[in-house]
Amino acid sequence: MKVVRYVFLVPLTIAIAGFSGLRLLVVDGGSMAPLIQQGDLVITSSLGATDVGPGGIILAHRYGGAPGELLLHRVVERGAGWRITKGDANQSSDAGRVADSAVAGRLLAIIPLRSFATLSSVAAAFAGHEHIGVSISSAAGATVTVESVALSGADATGRILPGGSATWRVLLTPCRPTIGSCPLAQQLRIDASGFSPLMGGSASALARALRITTRCQDTSTVDAVWADSADIFTADWLATNAATGLLATTSSPLRCDIQVAVLGSVPAQGLTITLPLLWGP
């Protein structure tokens, strides 16, 4: 008897969905596991959706996503007109705050079915994971130490998608000036010889969709402030102009945050890229 009532519940929900602010969607992804699995049906309502606080689950237009792309995640923090969301199975919160205008609904019910592929889908996970790495080579006695790595908009595997970012905090120590071997000013920069081939390779879509920002602090000065030193869009990369890859210039030890963010809608191909950097004279 329960099975019969359950079977008829689904078409009834579909029939009323267009008339009462309800949506019936099939989940594409696993970032809300174990509560919501890939292929499950979810019912959401637009009524009272912006009132959902921490602990509740909302349907929202994904930050940095394509038009109409939706994300079903849990609210973990809320402020005036915004909230931060996170998938239960993800290791970090989603990139960007979700404004009231981006909230499309709140979760009402979960129907654990796997056979409604023709229904509209909602991403409950990052559906095209991108892995971003950084390699830093130093020369002529200059040294670099990676102190920490922070991810924003990462899933449980540590991969990010458009709107997400990775930030490396590094300690840069210049070489000691000696006559004829170590200039006073030294640079942190993108290695043109290593990066240019990426722009035309299999990961070119990802290589052209990065925003690289740096901010640095002079560690030789007590209570030194952090200062922005670069903001580069790789879509504007010009190998013949070295200035396009310059991230920082210094004659003193620096602590820098190097943030690499993925912009736009990169094809979901599981792309991997390592950004090559150089530090030193």
C-alpha atoms as a PDB file:
ATOM      1  CA  MET A   1       0.000   0.000   0.000  1.00  0.00           C
ATOM      2  CA  LYS A   2       2.820   2.348   0.808  1.00  0.00           C
ATOM      3  CA  VAL A   3       4.387   1.635  -2.561  1.00  0.00           C
ATOM      4  CA  VAL A   4       1.204   2.600  -4.415  1.00  0.00           C
ATOM      5  CA  ARG A   5       0.882   5.907  -2.554  1.00  0.00           C
ATOM      6  CA  TYR A   6       4.560   6.639  -3.179  1.00  0.00           C
ATOM      7  CA  VAL A   7       4.293   5.991  -6.923  1.00  0.00           C
ATOM      8  CA  PHE A   8       1.401   8.400  -7.320  1.00  0.00           C
ATOM      9  CA  LEU A   9       3.079  11.096  -5.257  1.00  0.00           C
ATOM     10  CA  VAL A  10       5.670  11.842  -7.959  1.00  0.00           C
ATOM     11  CA  PRO A  11       3.326  12.746 -10.862  1.00  0.00           C
ATOM     12  CA  LEU A  12       1.154  14.742  -8.448  1.00  0.00           C
ATOM     13  CA  THR A  13       4.170  16.792  -7.432  1.00  0.00           C
ATOM     14  CA  ILE A  14       5.079  17.386 -11.073  1.00  0.00           C
ATOM     15  CA  ALA A  15       1.552  18.565 -11.791  1.00  0.00           C
ATOM     16  CA  ILE A  16       1.546  21.196  -9.033  1.00  0.00           C
ATOM     17  CA  ALA A  17       5.151  22.303  -9.434  1.00  0.00           C
ATOM     18  CA  GLY A  18       4.374  25.038 -11.942  1.00  0.00           C
ATOM     19  CA  PHE A  19       1.546  26.501  -9.887  1.00  0.00           C
ATOM     20  CA  SER A  20       2.810  26.832  -6.311  1.00  0.00           C
ATOM     21  CA  GLY A  21       6.456  27.903  -6.501  1.00  0.00           C
ATOM     22  CA  LEU A  22       7.602  24.280  -6.344  1.00  0.00           C
ATOM     23  CA  ARG A  23      10.277  22.605  -8.421  1.00  0.00           C
ATOM     24  CA  LEU A  24      11.041  18.936  -8.953  1.00  0.00           C
ATOM     25  CA  LEU A  25      14.690  18.383  -9.843  1.00  0.00           C
ATOM     26  CA  VAL A  26      17.054  15.465 -10.237  1.00  0.00           C
ATOM     27  CA  VAL A  27      20.420  15.786  -8.493  1.00  0.00           C
ATOM     28  CA  ASP A  28      23.600  15.620 -10.574  1.00  0.00           C
ATOM     29  CA  GLY A  29      26.515  15.132  -8.184  1.00  0.00           C
ATOM     30  CA  GLY A  30      27.430  13.906  -4.728  1.00  0.00           C
ATOM     31  CA  SER A  31      28.584  16.859  -2.640  1.00  0.00           C
ATOM     32  CA  MET A  32      25.506  16.598  -0.370  1.00  0.00           C
ATOM     33  CA  ALA A  33      26.130  12.915   0.402  1.00  0.00           C
ATOM     34  CA  PRO A  34      25.141  10.966   2.363  1.00  0.00           C
ATOM     35  CA  LEU A  35      21.891  12.916   2.811  1.00  0.00           C
ATOM     36  CA  ILE A  36      21.331  13.495  -0.913  1.00  0.00           C
ATOM     37  CA  GLN A  37      22.773  11.117  -3.496  1.00  0.00           C
ATOM     38  CA  GLN A  38      23.317  11.537  -7.219  1.00  0.00           C
ATOM     39  CA  GLY A  39      20.100  10.732  -9.075  1.00  0.00           C
ATOM     40  CA  ASP A  40      17.808  11.547  -6.146  1.00  0.00           C
ATOM     41  CA  LEU A  41      14.801  13.766  -6.739  1.00  0.00           C
ATOM     42  CA  VAL A  42      14.393  16.903  -4.655  1.00  0.00           C
ATOM     43  CA  ILE A  43      11.420  19.198  -4.228  1.00  0.00           C
ATOM     44  CA  THR A  44      12.122  22.862  -3.543  1.00  0.00           C
ATOM     45  CA  SER A  45       9.915  25.858  -2.858  1.00  0.00           C
ATOM     46  CA  SER A  46      10.548  29.525  -3.542  1.00  0.00           C
ATOM     47  CA  LEU A  47       8.353  30.533  -0.595  1.00  0.00           C
ATOM     48  CA  GLY A  48      10.465  31.737   2.334  1.00  0.00           C
ATOM     49  CA  ALA A  49      13.677  30.664   0.609  1.00  0.00           C
ATOM     50  CA  THR A  50      15.625  33.800   1.555  1.00  0.00           C
ATOM     51  CA  ASP A  51      14.738  33.252   5.227  1.00  0.00           C
ATOM     52  CA  VAL A  52      16.642  29.962   5.471  1.00  0.00           C
ATOM     53  CA  GLY A  53      19.437  30.243   8.030  1.00  0.00           C
ATOM     54  CA  PRO A  54      22.502  28.146   8.924  1.00  0.00           C
ATOM     55  CA  GLY A  55      21.741  24.440   8.788  1.00  0.00           C
ATOM     56  CA  GLY A  56      19.064  24.765   6.119  1.00  0.00           C
ATOM     57  CA  ILE A  57      19.486  23.733   2.481  1.00  0.00           C
ATOM     58  CA  ILE A  58      18.801  26.136  -0.374  1.00  0.00           C
ATOM     59  CA  LEU A  59      18.655  26.069  -4.148  1.00  0.00           C
ATOM     60  CA  ALA A  60      20.697  28.904  -5.657  1.00  0.00           C
ATOM     61  CA  HIS A  61      22.167  30.108  -8.917  1.00  0.00           C
ATOM     62  CA  ARG A  62      25.804  29.019  -8.705  1.00  0.00           C
ATOM     63  CA  TYR A  63      28.350  31.800  -8.216  1.00  0.00           C
ATOM     64  CA  GLY A  64      30.318  32.167 -11.462  1.00  0.00           C
ATOM     65  CA  GLY A  65      28.210  29.497 -13.156  1.00  0.00           C
ATOM     66  CA  ALA A  66      26.438  29.478 -16.486  1.00  0.00           C
ATOM     67  CA  PRO A  67      22.967  31.094 -16.750  1.00  0.00           C
ATOM     68  CA  GLY A  68      20.372  28.768 -15.260  1.00  0.00           C
ATOM     69  CA  GLU A  69      22.941  26.592 -13.464  1.00  0.00           C
ATOM     70  CA  LEU A  70      21.681  25.723  -9.988  1.00  0.00           C
ATOM     71  CA  LEU A  71      23.379  24.455  -6.846  1.00  0.00           C
ATOM     72  CA  LEU A  72      21.749  22.709  -3.872  1.00  0.00           C
ATOM     73  CA  HIS A  73      23.892  23.237  -0.756  1.00  0.00           C
ATOM     74  CA  ARG A  74      23.588  23.865   2.968  1.00  0.00           C
ATOM     75  CA  VAL A  75      23.743  27.365   4.467  1.00  0.00           C
ATOM     76  CA  VAL A  76      26.662  27.613   6.922  1.00  0.00           C
ATOM     77  CA  GLU A  77      26.702  31.364   7.542  1.00  0.00           C
ATOM     78  CA  ARG A  78      24.214  34.164   6.993  1.00  0.00           C
ATOM     79  CA  GLY A  79      24.355  37.954   7.007  1.00  0.00           C
ATOM     80  CA  ALA A  80      22.205  40.851   5.856  1.00  0.00           C
ATOM     81  CA  GLY A  81      21.134  39.938   2.325  1.00  0.00           C
ATOM     82  CA  TRP A  82      23.708  37.161   1.861  1.00  0.00           C
ATOM     83  CA  ARG A  83      24.688  33.687   2.957  1.00  0.00           C
ATOM     84  CA  ILE A  84      27.618  31.255   2.515  1.00  0.00           C
ATOM     85  CA  THR A  85      26.905  27.687   1.433  1.00  0.00           C
ATOM     86  CA  LYS A  86      28.762  24.380   1.550  1.00  0.00           C
ATOM     87  CA  GLY A  87      28.191  20.832   0.381  1.00  0.00           C
ATOM     88  CA  ASP A  88      28.064  18.336   3.253  1.00  0.00           C
ATOM     89  CA  ALA A  89      30.751  16.204   1.571  1.00  0.00           C
ATOM     90  CA  ASN A  90      32.972  19.138   0.575  1.00  0.00           C
ATOM     91  CA  GLN A  91      36.036  20.196   2.512  1.00  0.00           C
ATOM     92  CA  SER A  92      35.472  23.929   2.078  1.00  0.00           C
ATOM     93  CA  SER A  93      32.683  26.426   1.598  1.00  0.00           C
ATOM     94  CA  ASP A  94      31.540  27.459  -1.868  1.00  0.00           C
ATOM     95  CA  ALA A  95      33.227  30.431  -3.503  1.00  0.00           C
ATOM     96  CA  GLY A  96      31.414  33.733  -3.147  1.00  0.00           C
ATOM     97  CA  ARG A  97      28.454  34.845  -1.078  1.00  0.00           C
ATOM     98  CA  VAL A  98      24.964  33.944  -2.257  1.00  0.00           C
ATOM     99  CA  ALA A  99      22.842  37.100  -2.452  1.00  0.00           C
ATOM    100  CA  ASP A 100      19.091  37.101  -1.838  1.00  0.00           C
ATOM    101  CA  SER A 101      18.565  37.625  -5.563  1.00  0.00           C
ATOM    102  CA  ALA A 102      20.433  34.379  -6.333  1.00  0.00           C
ATOM    103  CA  VAL A 103      18.318  32.189  -4.028  1.00  0.00           C
ATOM    104  CA  ALA A 104      15.845  30.139  -6.071  1.00  0.00           C
ATOM    105  CA  GLY A 105      14.299  27.938  -3.403  1.00  0.00           C
ATOM    106  CA  ARG A 106      14.561  25.956  -0.177  1.00  0.00           C
ATOM    107  CA  LEU A 107      14.598  22.181   0.144  1.00  0.00           C
ATOM    108  CA  LEU A 108      11.234  20.633   1.028  1.00  0.00           C
ATOM    109  CA  ALA A 109      11.686  16.924   0.352  1.00  0.00           C
ATOM    110  CA  ILE A 110      14.065  14.290  -0.977  1.00  0.00           C
ATOM    111  CA  ILE A 111      12.811  11.385  -3.103  1.00  0.00           C
ATOM    112  CA  PRO A 112      15.528   8.697  -3.432  1.00  0.00           C
ATOM    113  CA  LEU A 113      15.010   7.710  -7.062  1.00  0.00           C
ATOM    114  CA  ARG A 114      17.598   7.319  -9.835  1.00  0.00           C
ATOM    115  CA  SER A 115      15.580   7.104 -13.070  1.00  0.00           C
ATOM    116  CA  PHE A 116      14.345  10.604 -13.953  1.00  0.00           C
ATOM    117  CA  ALA A 117      17.143  11.759 -16.253  1.00  0.00           C
ATOM    118  CA  THR A 118      14.754  13.778 -18.424  1.00  0.00           C
ATOM    119  CA  LEU A 119      13.893  16.181 -15.598  1.00  0.00           C
ATOM    120  CA  SER A 120      15.758  19.442 -15.058  1.00  0.00           C
ATOM    121  CA  SER A 121      18.936  18.800 -13.082  1.00  0.00           C
ATOM    122  CA  VAL A 122      20.562  20.649 -10.223  1.00  0.00           C
ATOM    123  CA  ALA A 123      24.265  20.385  -9.451  1.00  0.00           C
ATOM    124  CA  ALA A 124      24.892  19.210  -5.906  1.00  0.00           C
ATOM    125  CA  ALA A 125      28.593  18.929  -6.643  1.00  0.00           C
ATOM    126  CA  PHE A 126      31.191  20.558  -8.824  1.00  0.00           C
ATOM    127  CA  ALA A 127      30.513  18.887 -12.159  1.00  0.00           C
ATOM    128  CA  GLY A 128      33.856  19.363 -13.878  1.00  0.00           C
ATOM    129  CA  HIS A 129      36.669  19.353 -11.402  1.00  0.00           C
ATOM    130  CA  GLU A 130      39.787  21.404 -12.135  1.00  0.00           C
ATOM    131  CA  HIS A 131      43.067  20.826 -10.353  1.00  0.00           C
ATOM    132  CA  ILE A 132      45.318  23.868  -9.999  1.00  0.00           C
ATOM    133  CA  GLY A 133      48.930  23.618  -8.859  1.00  0.00           C
ATOM    134  CA  VAL A 134      51.857  25.995  -8.551  1.00  0.00           C
ATOM    135  CA  SER A 135      55.557  25.259  -8.954  1.00  0.00           C
ATOM    136  CA  ILE A 136      58.138  27.866  -7.943  1.00  0.00           C
ATOM    137  CA  SER A 137      61.744  27.645  -9.087  1.00  0.00           C
ATOM    138  CA  SER A 138      64.419  29.790  -7.460  1.00  0.00           C
ATOM    139  CA  ALA A 139      67.830  30.778  -8.741  1.00  0.00           C
ATOM    140  CA  ALA A 140      71.204  32.174  -7.673  1.00  0.00           C
ATOM    141  CA  GLY A 141      70.823  31.571  -3.947  1.00  0.00           C
ATOM    142  CA  ALA A 142      67.260  32.867  -3.622  1.00  0.00           C
ATOM    143  CA  THR A 143      64.968  30.548  -1.663  1.00  0.00           C
ATOM    144  CA  VAL A 144      61.225  29.965  -1.392  1.00  0.00           C
ATOM    145  CA  THR A 145      59.230  28.195   1.318  1.00  0.00           C
ATOM    146  CA  VAL A 146      55.543  27.282   0.987  1.00  0.00           C
ATOM    147  CA  GLU A 147      53.941  27.986   4.374  1.00  0.00           C
ATOM    148  CA  SER A 148      50.312  27.078   3.667  1.00  0.00           C
ATOM    149  CA  VAL A 149      47.706  26.363   1.001  1.00  0.00           C
ATOM    150  CA  ALA A 150      44.046  27.431   1.324  1.00  0.00           C
ATOM    151  CA  LEU A 151      41.172  26.422  -0.945  1.00  0.00           C
ATOM    152  CA  SER A 152      37.873  28.177  -1.601  1.00  0.00           C
ATOM    153  CA  GLY A 153      35.116  26.495  -3.570  1.00  0.00           C
ATOM    154  CA  ALA A 154      36.821  23.094  -3.376  1.00  0.00           C
ATOM    155  CA  ASP A 155      35.150  19.716  -3.260  1.00  0.00           C
ATOM    156  CA  ALA A 156      36.138  16.750  -1.123  1.00  0.00           C
ATOM    157  CA  THR A 157      39.045  15.924  -3.448  1.00  0.00           C
ATOM    158  CA  GLY A 158      40.510  19.433  -3.277  1.00  0.00           C
ATOM    159  CA  ARG A 159      39.611  20.345  -6.855  1.00  0.00           C
ATOM    160  CA  ILE A 160      38.043  23.668  -7.800  1.00  0.00           C
ATOM    161  CA  LEU A 161      35.759  25.037 -10.514  1.00  0.00           C
ATOM    162  CA  PRO A 162      34.889  28.442 -11.929  1.00  0.00           C
ATOM    163  CA  GLY A 163      34.504  30.840  -9.029  1.00  0.00           C
ATOM    164  CA  GLY A 164      36.820  28.792  -6.822  1.00  0.00           C
ATOM    165  CA  SER A 165      40.416  29.572  -5.959  1.00  0.00           C
ATOM    166  CA  ALA A 166      43.579  28.314  -4.305  1.00  0.00           C
ATOM    167  CA  THR A 167      45.921  30.534  -2.297  1.00  0.00           C
ATOM    168  CA  TRP A 168      49.543  29.717  -1.568  1.00  0.00           C
ATOM    169  CA  ARG A 169      51.324  31.620   1.225  1.00  0.00           C
ATOM    170  CA  VAL A 170      55.040  31.609   0.500  1.00  0.00           C
ATOM    171  CA  LEU A 171      58.138  33.056   2.129  1.00  0.00           C
ATOM    172  CA  LEU A 172      60.547  34.511  -0.435  1.00  0.00           C
ATOM    173  CA  THR A 173      64.157  35.100   0.571  1.00  0.00           C
ATOM    174  CA  PRO A 174      66.366  36.962  -1.930  1.00  0.00           C
ATOM    175  CA  CYS A 175      69.931  35.969  -2.623  1.00  0.00           C
ATOM    176  CA  ARG A 176      72.643  37.912  -0.812  1.00  0.00           C
ATOM    177  CA  PRO A 177      74.146  40.670  -2.996  1.00  0.00           C
ATOM    178  CA  THR A 178      77.705  40.002  -4.054  1.00  0.00           C
ATOM    179  CA  ILE A 179      79.614  41.805  -6.755  1.00  0.00           C
ATOM    180  CA  GLY A 180      78.451  40.704 -10.187  1.00  0.00           C
ATOM    181  CA  SER A 181      76.233  37.811  -9.092  1.00  0.00           C
ATOM    182  CA  CYS A 182      73.092  39.036  -7.337  1.00  0.00           C
ATOM    183  CA  PRO A 183      71.189  42.219  -8.235  1.00  0.00           C
ATOM    184  CA  LEU A 184      69.523  44.257  -5.532  1.00  0.00           C
ATOM    185  CA  ALA A 185      65.979  43.969  -6.931  1.00  0.00           C
ATOM    186  CA  GLN A 186      64.601  40.460  -7.461  1.00  0.00           C
ATOM    187  CA  GLN A 187      61.329  39.272  -8.937  1.00  0.00           C
ATOM    188  CA  LEU A 188      58.566  36.746  -8.506  1.00  0.00           C
ATOM    189  CA  ARG A 189      57.117  36.158 -11.958  1.00  0.00           C
ATOM    190  CA  ILE A 190      55.376  33.679 -14.229  1.00  0.00           C
ATOM    191  CA  ASP A 191      57.893  31.552 -16.119  1.00  0.00           C
ATOM    192  CA  ALA A 192      57.120  32.496 -19.730  1.00  0.00           C
ATOM    193  CA  SER A 193      58.974  29.507 -21.171  1.00  0.00           C
ATOM    194  CA  GLY A 194      56.884  27.130 -19.077  1.00  0.00           C
ATOM    195  CA  PHE A 195      53.532  28.909 -19.250  1.00  0.00           C
ATOM    196  CA  SER A 196      53.313  29.812 -22.939  1.00  0.00           C
ATOM    197  CA  PRO A 197      53.088  26.146 -24.085  1.00  0.00           C
ATOM    198  CA  LEU A 198      50.138  25.638 -21.723  1.00  0.00           C
ATOM    199  CA  MET A 199      48.194  28.313 -23.612  1.00  0.00           C
ATOM    200  CA  GLY A 200      48.163  26.118 -26.715  1.00  0.00           C
ATOM    201  CA  GLY A 201      48.031  22.680 -25.113  1.00  0.00           C
ATOM    202  CA  SER A 202      45.226  20.349 -24.053  1.00  0.00           C
ATOM    203  CA  ALA A 203      44.542  22.470 -20.964  1.00  0.00           C
ATOM    204  CA  SER A 204      44.499  25.766 -22.866  1.00  0.00           C
ATOM    205  CA  ALA A 205      40.873  26.500 -21.891  1.00  0.00           C
ATOM    206  CA  LEU A 206      41.873  26.374 -18.238  1.00  0.00           C
ATOM    207  CA  ALA A 207      45.185  28.178 -18.783  1.00  0.00           C
ATOM    208  CA  ARG A 208      43.325  31.104 -20.360  1.00  0.00           C
ATOM    209  CA  ALA A 209      40.702  31.276 -17.595  1.00  0.00           C
ATOM    210  CA  LEU A 210      42.862  32.184 -14.601  1.00  0.00           C
ATOM    211  CA  ARG A 211      43.102  35.309 -12.502  1.00  0.00           C
ATOM    212  CA  ILE A 212      46.339  35.519 -10.516  1.00  0.00           C
ATOM    213  CA  THR A 213      46.602  38.033  -7.690  1.00  0.00           C
ATOM    214  CA  THR A 214      49.392  38.568  -5.190  1.00  0.00           C
ATOM    215  CA  ARG A 215      49.734  40.557  -2.008  1.00  0.00           C
ATOM    216  CA  CYS A 216      52.968  40.723  -0.046  1.00  0.00           C
ATOM    217  CA  GLN A 217      54.402  41.759   3.306  1.00  0.00           C
ATOM    218  CA  ASP A 218      57.993  42.839   3.984  1.00  0.00           C
ATOM    219  CA  THR A 219      59.174  40.452   6.708  1.00  0.00           C
ATOM    220  CA  SER A 220      62.251  42.561   7.492  1.00  0.00           C
ATOM    221  CA  THR A 221      60.026  45.301   8.941  1.00  0.00           C
ATOM    222  CA  VAL A 222      58.134  44.979  12.213  1.00  0.00           C
ATOM    223  CA  ASP A 223      54.339  45.228  11.794  1.00  0.00           C
ATOM    224  CA  ALA A 224      54.648  45.648   8.022  1.00  0.00           C
ATOM    225  CA  VAL A 225      51.313  45.936   6.227  1.00  0.00           C
ATOM    226  CA  TRP A 226      50.144  43.717   3.399  1.00  0.00           C
ATOM    227  CA  ALA A 227      50.150  45.392  -0.015  1.00  0.00           C
ATOM    228  CA  ASP A 228      48.652  44.246  -3.309  1.00  0.00           C
ATOM    229  CA  SER A 229      51.381  43.698  -5.885  1.00  0.00           C
ATOM    230  CA  ALA A 230      49.749  42.119  -8.955  1.00  0.00           C
ATOM    231  CA  ASP A 231      46.431  41.314 -10.612  1.00  0.00           C
ATOM    232  CA  ILE A 232      46.839  39.296 -13.807  1.00  0.00           C
ATOM    233  CA  PHE A 233      44.269  37.776 -16.155  1.00  0.00           C
ATOM    234  CA  THR A 234      45.880  35.007 -18.186  1.00  0.00           C
ATOM    235  CA  ALA A 235      43.471  35.686 -21.054  1.00  0.00           C
ATOM    236  CA  ASP A 236      45.609  38.809 -21.615  1.00  0.00           C
ATOM    237  CA  TRP A 237      48.892  36.866 -21.524  1.00  0.00           C
ATOM    238  CA  LEU A 238      51.539  38.153 -23.909  1.00  0.00           C
ATOM    239  CA  ALA A 239      54.758  36.152 -23.803  1.00  0.00           C
ATOM    240  CA  THR A 240      56.734  38.909 -25.523  1.00  0.00           C
ATOM    241  CA  ASN A 241      55.911  41.358 -22.728  1.00  0.00           C
ATOM    242  CA  ALA A 242      57.590  40.190 -19.517  1.00  0.00           C
ATOM    243  CA  ALA A 243      55.618  42.732 -17.488  1.00  0.00           C
ATOM    244  CA  THR A 244      52.440  40.694 -18.019  1.00  0.00           C
ATOM    245  CA  GLY A 245      53.851  37.962 -15.795  1.00  0.00           C
ATOM    246  CA  LEU A 246      55.391  40.085 -13.021  1.00  0.00           C
ATOM    247  CA  LEU A 247      53.940  39.265  -9.583  1.00  0.00           C
ATOM    248  CA  ALA A 248      56.309  41.053  -7.174  1.00  0.00           C
ATOM    249  CA  THR A 249      59.631  42.907  -7.058  1.00  0.00           C
ATOM    250  CA  THR A 250      61.703  43.264  -3.891  1.00  0.00           C
ATOM    251  CA  SER A 251      65.142  43.574  -2.351  1.00  0.00           C
ATOM    252  CA  SER A 252      63.917  42.335   1.048  1.00  0.00           C
ATOM    253  CA  PRO A 253      62.439  39.057   2.273  1.00  0.00           C
ATOM    254  CA  LEU A 254      58.722  38.857   1.497  1.00  0.00           C
ATOM    255  CA  ARG A 255      55.774  36.819   2.633  1.00  0.00           C
ATOM    256  CA  CYS A 256      53.296  36.653  -0.251  1.00  0.00           C
ATOM    257  CA  ASP A 257      49.834  35.243  -0.848  1.00  0.00           C
ATOM    258  CA  ILE A 258      49.518  33.963  -4.415  1.00  0.00           C
ATOM    259  CA  GLN A 259      45.869  33.397  -5.294  1.00  0.00           C
ATOM    260  CA  VAL A 260      44.839  31.583  -8.462  1.00  0.00           C
ATOM    261  CA  ALA A 261      41.124  31.821  -9.283  1.00  0.00           C
ATOM    262  CA  VAL A 262      39.283  30.067 -12.113  1.00  0.00           C
ATOM    263  CA  LEU A 263      37.066  32.367 -14.178  1.00  0.00           C
ATOM    264  CA  GLY A 264      34.343  31.709 -16.722  1.00  0.00           C
ATOM    265  CA  SER A 265      32.874  28.347 -17.672  1.00  0.00           C
ATOM    266  CA  VAL A 266      35.678  25.889 -18.325  1.00  0.00           C
ATOM    267  CA  PRO A 267      34.660  22.630 -20.069  1.00  0.00           C
ATOM    268  CA  ALA A 268      34.118  19.795 -17.593  1.00  0.00           C
ATOM    269  CA  GLN A 269      37.107  17.710 -18.628  1.00  0.00           C
ATOM    270  CA  GLY A 270      38.883  17.115 -15.332  1.00  0.00           C
ATOM    271  CA  LEU A 271      41.692  19.417 -16.455  1.00  0.00           C
ATOM    272  CA  THR A 272      44.938  19.750 -14.537  1.00  0.00           C
ATOM    273  CA  ILE A 273      47.410  22.603 -14.741  1.00  0.00           C
ATOM    274  CA  THR A 274      50.544  23.602 -12.846  1.00  0.00           C
ATOM    275  CA  LEU A 275      51.365  27.302 -12.954  1.00  0.00           C
ATOM    276  CA  PRO A 276      55.156  27.707 -13.328  1.00  0.00           C
ATOM    277  CA  LEU A 277      56.692  30.602 -11.358  1.00  0.00           C
ATOM    278  CA  LEU A 278      60.257  31.899 -11.009  1.00  0.00           C
ATOM    279  CA  TRP A 279      61.775  33.644  -8.010  1.00  0.00           C
ATOM    280  CA  GLY A 280      65.136  35.375  -7.899  1.00  0.00           C
ATOM    281  CA  PRO A 281      67.326  37.612 -10.038  1.00  0.00           C
END
